[in-house]
Amino acid sequence: MLQTLGMDGGDTDADPDATISVALGESEALAWMRTLSAVRLVLASRLGIQTEDDHQPDDPRFGVYDWIGYRLDGLVAALDRG
């Protein structure tokens, strides 16, 4: 993921607030999906999500969990189109 973001450690003066455009091929998209799924699983564990009923969309602590799910859905849709 860091390589596709251009953050492989070579540029230590990069602006942390800069917008980054990323184009992913199939292998990169699959790597992103594996990584994001693993992070989302850890978040679910930390938030105590075991079933759909445990998810509380109004609780701000679930924001990153939901955002990662949204991004995973987008990756799946993009791969289905390709």
PDB file of N, CA and C in Angstrom:
ATOM      1  N   MET A   1       0.822  -1.189   0.000  1.00  0.00           N
ATOM      2  CA  MET A   1       0.000   0.000   0.000  1.00  0.00           C
ATOM      3  C   MET A   1       0.865   1.250   0.000  1.00  0.00           C
ATOM      4  N   LEU A   2       1.921   1.242   0.790  1.00  0.00           N
ATOM      5  CA  LEU A   2       2.771   2.435   0.860  1.00  0.00           C
ATOM      6  C   LEU A   2       3.410   2.744  -0.482  1.00  0.00           C
ATOM      7  N   GLN A   3       3.794   1.714  -1.220  1.00  0.00           N
ATOM      8  CA  GLN A   3       4.388   1.949  -2.532  1.00  0.00           C
ATOM      9  C   GLN A   3       3.390   2.584  -3.486  1.00  0.00           C
ATOM     10  N   THR A   4       2.149   2.122  -3.476  1.00  0.00           N
ATOM     11  CA  THR A   4       1.154   2.695  -4.379  1.00  0.00           C
ATOM     12  C   THR A   4       0.782   4.115  -3.973  1.00  0.00           C
ATOM     13  N   LEU A   5       0.996   4.464  -2.731  1.00  0.00           N
ATOM     14  CA  LEU A   5       0.759   5.837  -2.278  1.00  0.00           C
ATOM     15  C   LEU A   5       1.968   6.732  -2.507  1.00  0.00           C
ATOM     16  N   GLY A   6       3.069   6.133  -2.962  1.00  0.00           N
ATOM     17  CA  GLY A   6       4.282   6.907  -3.162  1.00  0.00           C
ATOM     18  C   GLY A   6       4.958   7.254  -1.853  1.00  0.00           C
ATOM     19  N   MET A   7       4.679   6.460  -0.822  1.00  0.00           N
ATOM     20  CA  MET A   7       5.216   6.721   0.514  1.00  0.00           C
ATOM     21  C   MET A   7       6.084   5.557   0.964  1.00  0.00           C
ATOM     22  N   ASP A   8       7.010   5.165   0.135  1.00  0.00           N
ATOM     23  CA  ASP A   8       7.849   4.019   0.455  1.00  0.00           C
ATOM     24  C   ASP A   8       9.050   4.382   1.316  1.00  0.00           C
ATOM     25  N   GLY A   9       9.047   5.566   1.904  1.00  0.00           N
ATOM     26  CA  GLY A   9      10.121   5.987   2.792  1.00  0.00           C
ATOM     27  C   GLY A   9      11.172   6.843   2.118  1.00  0.00           C
ATOM     28  N   GLY A  10      11.072   7.024   0.800  1.00  0.00           N
ATOM     29  CA  GLY A  10      12.079   7.791   0.076  1.00  0.00           C
ATOM     30  C   GLY A  10      11.946   9.289   0.238  1.00  0.00           C
ATOM     31  N   ASP A  11      10.721   9.795   0.409  1.00  0.00           N
ATOM     32  CA  ASP A  11      10.486  11.234   0.505  1.00  0.00           C
ATOM     33  C   ASP A  11      10.024  11.583   1.915  1.00  0.00           C
ATOM     34  N   THR A  12      10.945  11.983   2.759  1.00  0.00           N
ATOM     35  CA  THR A  12      10.604  12.297   4.145  1.00  0.00           C
ATOM     36  C   THR A  12      10.082  13.713   4.301  1.00  0.00           C
ATOM     37  N   ASP A  13      10.162  14.540   3.236  1.00  0.00           N
ATOM     38  CA  ASP A  13       9.676  15.915   3.301  1.00  0.00           C
ATOM     39  C   ASP A  13       8.284  16.072   2.722  1.00  0.00           C
ATOM     40  N   ALA A  14       7.580  14.991   2.469  1.00  0.00           N
ATOM     41  CA  ALA A  14       6.249  15.052   1.873  1.00  0.00           C
ATOM     42  C   ALA A  14       5.264  15.734   2.821  1.00  0.00           C
ATOM     43  N   ASP A  15       4.342  16.493   2.239  1.00  0.00           N
ATOM     44  CA  ASP A  15       3.301  17.182   2.994  1.00  0.00           C
ATOM     45  C   ASP A  15       2.267  16.156   3.469  1.00  0.00           C
ATOM     46  N   PRO A  16       2.070  15.974   4.767  1.00  0.00           N
ATOM     47  CA  PRO A  16       1.129  14.961   5.255  1.00  0.00           C
ATOM     48  C   PRO A  16      -0.325  15.305   4.936  1.00  0.00           C
ATOM     49  N   ASP A  17      -0.608  16.561   4.582  1.00  0.00           N
ATOM     50  CA  ASP A  17      -1.974  16.968   4.266  1.00  0.00           C
ATOM     51  C   ASP A  17      -2.252  17.018   2.767  1.00  0.00           C
ATOM     52  N   ALA A  18      -1.275  16.642   1.953  1.00  0.00           N
ATOM     53  CA  ALA A  18      -1.431  16.697   0.510  1.00  0.00           C
ATOM     54  C   ALA A  18      -2.429  15.640   0.034  1.00  0.00           C
ATOM     55  N   THR A  19      -3.158  15.974  -1.014  1.00  0.00           N
ATOM     56  CA  THR A  19      -4.054  15.020  -1.656  1.00  0.00           C
ATOM     57  C   THR A  19      -3.230  14.124  -2.571  1.00  0.00           C
ATOM     58  N   ILE A  20      -3.511  12.822  -2.506  1.00  0.00           N
ATOM     59  CA  ILE A  20      -2.769  11.850  -3.308  1.00  0.00           C
ATOM     60  C   ILE A  20      -3.746  11.122  -4.220  1.00  0.00           C
ATOM     61  N   SER A  21      -3.472  11.119  -5.510  1.00  0.00           N
ATOM     62  CA  SER A  21      -4.269  10.333  -6.457  1.00  0.00           C
ATOM     63  C   SER A  21      -3.595   8.981  -6.625  1.00  0.00           C
ATOM     64  N   VAL A  22      -4.400   7.934  -6.579  1.00  0.00           N
ATOM     65  CA  VAL A  22      -3.857   6.579  -6.660  1.00  0.00           C
ATOM     66  C   VAL A  22      -4.580   5.817  -7.763  1.00  0.00           C
ATOM     67  N   ALA A  23      -3.820   5.221  -8.666  1.00  0.00           N
ATOM     68  CA  ALA A  23      -4.371   4.331  -9.690  1.00  0.00           C
ATOM     69  C   ALA A  23      -3.871   2.926  -9.377  1.00  0.00           C
ATOM     70  N   LEU A  24      -4.806   2.003  -9.226  1.00  0.00           N
ATOM     71  CA  LEU A  24      -4.453   0.641  -8.838  1.00  0.00           C
ATOM     72  C   LEU A  24      -4.756  -0.338  -9.961  1.00  0.00           C
ATOM     73  N   GLY A  25      -3.825  -1.223 -10.211  1.00  0.00           N
ATOM     74  CA  GLY A  25      -4.074  -2.368 -11.081  1.00  0.00           C
ATOM     75  C   GLY A  25      -4.748  -3.452 -10.256  1.00  0.00           C
ATOM     76  N   GLU A  26      -5.064  -4.555 -10.885  1.00  0.00           N
ATOM     77  CA  GLU A  26      -5.764  -5.625 -10.173  1.00  0.00           C
ATOM     78  C   GLU A  26      -4.958  -6.158  -8.989  1.00  0.00           C
ATOM     79  N   SER A  27      -3.675  -6.401  -9.159  1.00  0.00           N
ATOM     80  CA  SER A  27      -2.875  -6.953  -8.066  1.00  0.00           C
ATOM     81  C   SER A  27      -2.753  -5.956  -6.917  1.00  0.00           C
ATOM     82  N   GLU A  28      -2.605  -4.676  -7.237  1.00  0.00           N
ATOM     83  CA  GLU A  28      -2.541  -3.667  -6.180  1.00  0.00           C
ATOM     84  C   GLU A  28      -3.873  -3.545  -5.449  1.00  0.00           C
ATOM     85  N   ALA A  29      -4.980  -3.580  -6.214  1.00  0.00           N
ATOM     86  CA  ALA A  29      -6.305  -3.494  -5.596  1.00  0.00           C
ATOM     87  C   ALA A  29      -6.547  -4.666  -4.652  1.00  0.00           C
ATOM     88  N   LEU A  30      -6.122  -5.851  -5.057  1.00  0.00           N
ATOM     89  CA  LEU A  30      -6.280  -7.024  -4.186  1.00  0.00           C
ATOM     90  C   LEU A  30      -5.438  -6.892  -2.926  1.00  0.00           C
ATOM     91  N   ALA A  31      -4.244  -6.332  -3.045  1.00  0.00           N
ATOM     92  CA  ALA A  31      -3.401  -6.109  -1.866  1.00  0.00           C
ATOM     93  C   ALA A  31      -4.058  -5.105  -0.927  1.00  0.00           C
ATOM     94  N   TRP A  32      -4.622  -4.037  -1.501  1.00  0.00           N
ATOM     95  CA  TRP A  32      -5.336  -3.052  -0.677  1.00  0.00           C
ATOM     96  C   TRP A  32      -6.515  -3.709   0.033  1.00  0.00           C
ATOM     97  N   MET A  33      -7.250  -4.544  -0.681  1.00  0.00           N
ATOM     98  CA  MET A  33      -8.400  -5.213  -0.077  1.00  0.00           C
ATOM     99  C   MET A  33      -7.983  -6.095   1.091  1.00  0.00           C
ATOM    100  N   ARG A  34      -6.902  -6.842   0.921  1.00  0.00           N
ATOM    101  CA  ARG A  34      -6.422  -7.705   2.022  1.00  0.00           C
ATOM    102  C   ARG A  34      -6.041  -6.850   3.234  1.00  0.00           C
ATOM    103  N   THR A  35      -5.322  -5.775   2.990  1.00  0.00           N
ATOM    104  CA  THR A  35      -4.862  -4.927   4.091  1.00  0.00           C
ATOM    105  C   THR A  35      -6.034  -4.234   4.778  1.00  0.00           C
ATOM    106  N   LEU A  36      -6.915  -3.628   3.995  1.00  0.00           N
ATOM    107  CA  LEU A  36      -8.068  -2.936   4.588  1.00  0.00           C
ATOM    108  C   LEU A  36      -8.981  -3.901   5.328  1.00  0.00           C
ATOM    109  N   SER A  37      -9.153  -5.105   4.802  1.00  0.00           N
ATOM    110  CA  SER A  37      -9.977  -6.110   5.496  1.00  0.00           C
ATOM    111  C   SER A  37      -9.366  -6.494   6.836  1.00  0.00           C
ATOM    112  N   ALA A  38      -8.057  -6.641   6.872  1.00  0.00           N
ATOM    113  CA  ALA A  38      -7.383  -6.990   8.127  1.00  0.00           C
ATOM    114  C   ALA A  38      -7.521  -5.864   9.149  1.00  0.00           C
ATOM    115  N   VAL A  39      -7.354  -4.627   8.704  1.00  0.00           N
ATOM    116  CA  VAL A  39      -7.502  -3.482   9.614  1.00  0.00           C
ATOM    117  C   VAL A  39      -8.936  -3.394  10.117  1.00  0.00           C
ATOM    118  N   ARG A  40      -9.895  -3.620   9.226  1.00  0.00           N
ATOM    119  CA  ARG A  40     -11.305  -3.552   9.630  1.00  0.00           C
ATOM    120  C   ARG A  40     -11.646  -4.658  10.628  1.00  0.00           C
ATOM    121  N   LEU A  41     -11.064  -5.822  10.461  1.00  0.00           N
ATOM    122  CA  LEU A  41     -11.285  -6.919  11.398  1.00  0.00           C
ATOM    123  C   LEU A  41     -10.743  -6.570  12.786  1.00  0.00           C
ATOM    124  N   VAL A  42      -9.564  -5.958  12.830  1.00  0.00           N
ATOM    125  CA  VAL A  42      -8.994  -5.529  14.113  1.00  0.00           C
ATOM    126  C   VAL A  42      -9.890  -4.478  14.760  1.00  0.00           C
ATOM    127  N   LEU A  43     -10.365  -3.510  13.960  1.00  0.00           N
ATOM    128  CA  LEU A  43     -11.266  -2.490  14.505  1.00  0.00           C
ATOM    129  C   LEU A  43     -12.549  -3.111  15.045  1.00  0.00           C
ATOM    130  N   ALA A  44     -13.114  -4.065  14.325  1.00  0.00           N
ATOM    131  CA  ALA A  44     -14.333  -4.735  14.783  1.00  0.00           C
ATOM    132  C   ALA A  44     -14.096  -5.407  16.129  1.00  0.00           C
ATOM    133  N   SER A  45     -12.942  -6.035  16.261  1.00  0.00           N
ATOM    134  CA  SER A  45     -12.609  -6.681  17.525  1.00  0.00           C
ATOM    135  C   SER A  45     -12.495  -5.658  18.652  1.00  0.00           C
ATOM    136  N   ARG A  46     -11.807  -4.568  18.386  1.00  0.00           N
ATOM    137  CA  ARG A  46     -11.622  -3.530  19.406  1.00  0.00           C
ATOM    138  C   ARG A  46     -12.930  -2.833  19.775  1.00  0.00           C
ATOM    139  N   LEU A  47     -13.836  -2.701  18.795  1.00  0.00           N
ATOM    140  CA  LEU A  47     -15.120  -2.046  19.041  1.00  0.00           C
ATOM    141  C   LEU A  47     -16.167  -3.002  19.601  1.00  0.00           C
ATOM    142  N   GLY A  48     -15.837  -4.284  19.660  1.00  0.00           N
ATOM    143  CA  GLY A  48     -16.768  -5.273  20.189  1.00  0.00           C
ATOM    144  C   GLY A  48     -17.855  -5.668  19.204  1.00  0.00           C
ATOM    145  N   ILE A  49     -17.583  -5.539  17.927  1.00  0.00           N
ATOM    146  CA  ILE A  49     -18.562  -5.911  16.902  1.00  0.00           C
ATOM    147  C   ILE A  49     -18.424  -7.403  16.608  1.00  0.00           C
ATOM    148  N   GLN A  50     -19.456  -8.146  16.968  1.00  0.00           N
ATOM    149  CA  GLN A  50     -19.478  -9.579  16.664  1.00  0.00           C
ATOM    150  C   GLN A  50     -20.626  -9.922  15.727  1.00  0.00           C
ATOM    151  N   THR A  51     -21.696  -9.142  15.802  1.00  0.00           N
ATOM    152  CA  THR A  51     -22.833  -9.313  14.910  1.00  0.00           C
ATOM    153  C   THR A  51     -23.229  -7.944  14.375  1.00  0.00           C
ATOM    154  N   GLU A  52     -24.099  -7.926  13.383  1.00  0.00           N
ATOM    155  CA  GLU A  52     -24.559  -6.662  12.808  1.00  0.00           C
ATOM    156  C   GLU A  52     -25.249  -5.794  13.856  1.00  0.00           C
ATOM    157  N   ASP A  53     -25.896  -6.421  14.837  1.00  0.00           N
ATOM    158  CA  ASP A  53     -26.586  -5.670  15.892  1.00  0.00           C
ATOM    159  C   ASP A  53     -25.633  -4.910  16.804  1.00  0.00           C
ATOM    160  N   ASP A  54     -24.356  -5.320  16.836  1.00  0.00           N
ATOM    161  CA  ASP A  54     -23.369  -4.646  17.690  1.00  0.00           C
ATOM    162  C   ASP A  54     -22.880  -3.334  17.087  1.00  0.00           C
ATOM    163  N   HIS A  55     -23.137  -3.127  15.806  1.00  0.00           N
ATOM    164  CA  HIS A  55     -22.687  -1.913  15.125  1.00  0.00           C
ATOM    165  C   HIS A  55     -23.623  -0.760  15.450  1.00  0.00           C
ATOM    166  N   GLN A  56     -23.046   0.364  15.861  1.00  0.00           N
ATOM    167  CA  GLN A  56     -23.824   1.548  16.220  1.00  0.00           C
ATOM    168  C   GLN A  56     -23.424   2.710  15.314  1.00  0.00           C
ATOM    169  N   PRO A  57     -24.124   2.909  14.189  1.00  0.00           N
ATOM    170  CA  PRO A  57     -23.714   3.908  13.211  1.00  0.00           C
ATOM    171  C   PRO A  57     -23.702   5.340  13.742  1.00  0.00           C
ATOM    172  N   ASP A  58     -24.442   5.627  14.798  1.00  0.00           N
ATOM    173  CA  ASP A  58     -24.460   6.983  15.357  1.00  0.00           C
ATOM    174  C   ASP A  58     -23.290   7.253  16.300  1.00  0.00           C
ATOM    175  N   ASP A  59     -22.577   6.218  16.675  1.00  0.00           N
ATOM    176  CA  ASP A  59     -21.416   6.354  17.561  1.00  0.00           C
ATOM    177  C   ASP A  59     -20.204   6.748  16.721  1.00  0.00           C
ATOM    178  N   PRO A  60     -19.577   7.905  17.004  1.00  0.00           N
ATOM    179  CA  PRO A  60     -18.449   8.364  16.174  1.00  0.00           C
ATOM    180  C   PRO A  60     -17.252   7.416  16.170  1.00  0.00           C
ATOM    181  N   ARG A  61     -17.148   6.536  17.157  1.00  0.00           N
ATOM    182  CA  ARG A  61     -16.034   5.586  17.181  1.00  0.00           C
ATOM    183  C   ARG A  61     -16.101   4.600  16.018  1.00  0.00           C
ATOM    184  N   PHE A  62     -17.259   4.480  15.403  1.00  0.00           N
ATOM    185  CA  PHE A  62     -17.439   3.532  14.305  1.00  0.00           C
ATOM    186  C   PHE A  62     -17.158   4.165  12.943  1.00  0.00           C
ATOM    187  N   GLY A  63     -16.785   5.431  12.905  1.00  0.00           N
ATOM    188  CA  GLY A  63     -16.568   6.152  11.655  1.00  0.00           C
ATOM    189  C   GLY A  63     -15.500   5.536  10.769  1.00  0.00           C
ATOM    190  N   VAL A  64     -14.345   5.230  11.326  1.00  0.00           N
ATOM    191  CA  VAL A  64     -13.261   4.646  10.533  1.00  0.00           C
ATOM    192  C   VAL A  64     -13.656   3.247  10.066  1.00  0.00           C
ATOM    193  N   TYR A  65     -14.301   2.496  10.924  1.00  0.00           N
ATOM    194  CA  TYR A  65     -14.777   1.162  10.560  1.00  0.00           C
ATOM    195  C   TYR A  65     -15.709   1.242   9.346  1.00  0.00           C
ATOM    196  N   ASP A  66     -16.655   2.191   9.381  1.00  0.00           N
ATOM    197  CA  ASP A  66     -17.589   2.365   8.274  1.00  0.00           C
ATOM    198  C   ASP A  66     -16.881   2.855   7.014  1.00  0.00           C
ATOM    199  N   TRP A  67     -15.928   3.777   7.163  1.00  0.00           N
ATOM    200  CA  TRP A  67     -15.200   4.315   6.017  1.00  0.00           C
ATOM    201  C   TRP A  67     -14.415   3.212   5.311  1.00  0.00           C
ATOM    202  N   ILE A  68     -13.773   2.356   6.080  1.00  0.00           N
ATOM    203  CA  ILE A  68     -13.013   1.250   5.472  1.00  0.00           C
ATOM    204  C   ILE A  68     -13.971   0.312   4.731  1.00  0.00           C
ATOM    205  N   GLY A  69     -15.132   0.041   5.308  1.00  0.00           N
ATOM    206  CA  GLY A  69     -16.124  -0.787   4.624  1.00  0.00           C
ATOM    207  C   GLY A  69     -16.573  -0.158   3.316  1.00  0.00           C
ATOM    208  N   TYR A  70     -16.749   1.157   3.314  1.00  0.00           N
ATOM    209  CA  TYR A  70     -17.128   1.885   2.099  1.00  0.00           C
ATOM    210  C   TYR A  70     -16.047   1.754   1.034  1.00  0.00           C
ATOM    211  N   ARG A  71     -14.787   1.899   1.449  1.00  0.00           N
ATOM    212  CA  ARG A  71     -13.672   1.785   0.497  1.00  0.00           C
ATOM    213  C   ARG A  71     -13.540   0.359  -0.039  1.00  0.00           C
ATOM    214  N   LEU A  72     -13.744  -0.634   0.814  1.00  0.00           N
ATOM    215  CA  LEU A  72     -13.702  -2.024   0.359  1.00  0.00           C
ATOM    216  C   LEU A  72     -14.793  -2.292  -0.673  1.00  0.00           C
ATOM    217  N   ASP A  73     -15.980  -1.759  -0.417  1.00  0.00           N
ATOM    218  CA  ASP A  73     -17.087  -1.918  -1.355  1.00  0.00           C
ATOM    219  C   ASP A  73     -16.728  -1.297  -2.706  1.00  0.00           C
ATOM    220  N   GLY A  74     -16.098  -0.141  -2.688  1.00  0.00           N
ATOM    221  CA  GLY A  74     -15.678   0.516  -3.924  1.00  0.00           C
ATOM    222  C   GLY A  74     -14.650  -0.299  -4.684  1.00  0.00           C
ATOM    223  N   LEU A  75     -13.721  -0.900  -3.963  1.00  0.00           N
ATOM    224  CA  LEU A  75     -12.702  -1.745  -4.617  1.00  0.00           C
ATOM    225  C   LEU A  75     -13.335  -2.978  -5.248  1.00  0.00           C
ATOM    226  N   VAL A  76     -14.251  -3.593  -4.552  1.00  0.00           N
ATOM    227  CA  VAL A  76     -14.942  -4.770  -5.089  1.00  0.00           C
ATOM    228  C   VAL A  76     -15.716  -4.382  -6.360  1.00  0.00           C
ATOM    229  N   ALA A  77     -16.424  -3.255  -6.311  1.00  0.00           N
ATOM    230  CA  ALA A  77     -17.182  -2.806  -7.482  1.00  0.00           C
ATOM    231  C   ALA A  77     -16.251  -2.500  -8.654  1.00  0.00           C
ATOM    232  N   ALA A  78     -15.128  -1.868  -8.383  1.00  0.00           N
ATOM    233  CA  ALA A  78     -14.170  -1.543  -9.449  1.00  0.00           C
ATOM    234  C   ALA A  78     -13.594  -2.806 -10.081  1.00  0.00           C
ATOM    235  N   LEU A  79     -13.295  -3.798  -9.279  1.00  0.00           N
ATOM    236  CA  LEU A  79     -12.758  -5.053  -9.810  1.00  0.00           C
ATOM    237  C   LEU A  79     -13.809  -5.821 -10.599  1.00  0.00           C
ATOM    238  N   ASP A  80     -15.074  -5.734 -10.184  1.00  0.00           N
ATOM    239  CA  ASP A  80     -16.157  -6.396 -10.908  1.00  0.00           C
ATOM    240  C   ASP A  80     -16.360  -5.774 -12.292  1.00  0.00           C
ATOM    241  N   ARG A  81     -16.172  -4.455 -12.393  1.00  0.00           N
ATOM    242  CA  ARG A  81     -16.319  -3.763 -13.675  1.00  0.00           C
ATOM    243  C   ARG A  81     -15.159  -4.079 -14.607  1.00  0.00           C
ATOM    244  N   GLY A  82     -13.979  -4.280 -13.999  1.00  0.00           N
ATOM    245  CA  GLY A  82     -12.761  -4.479 -14.802  1.00  0.00           C
ATOM    246  C   GLY A  82     -12.681  -5.848 -15.306  1.00  0.00           C
TER     247      GLY A  82
END
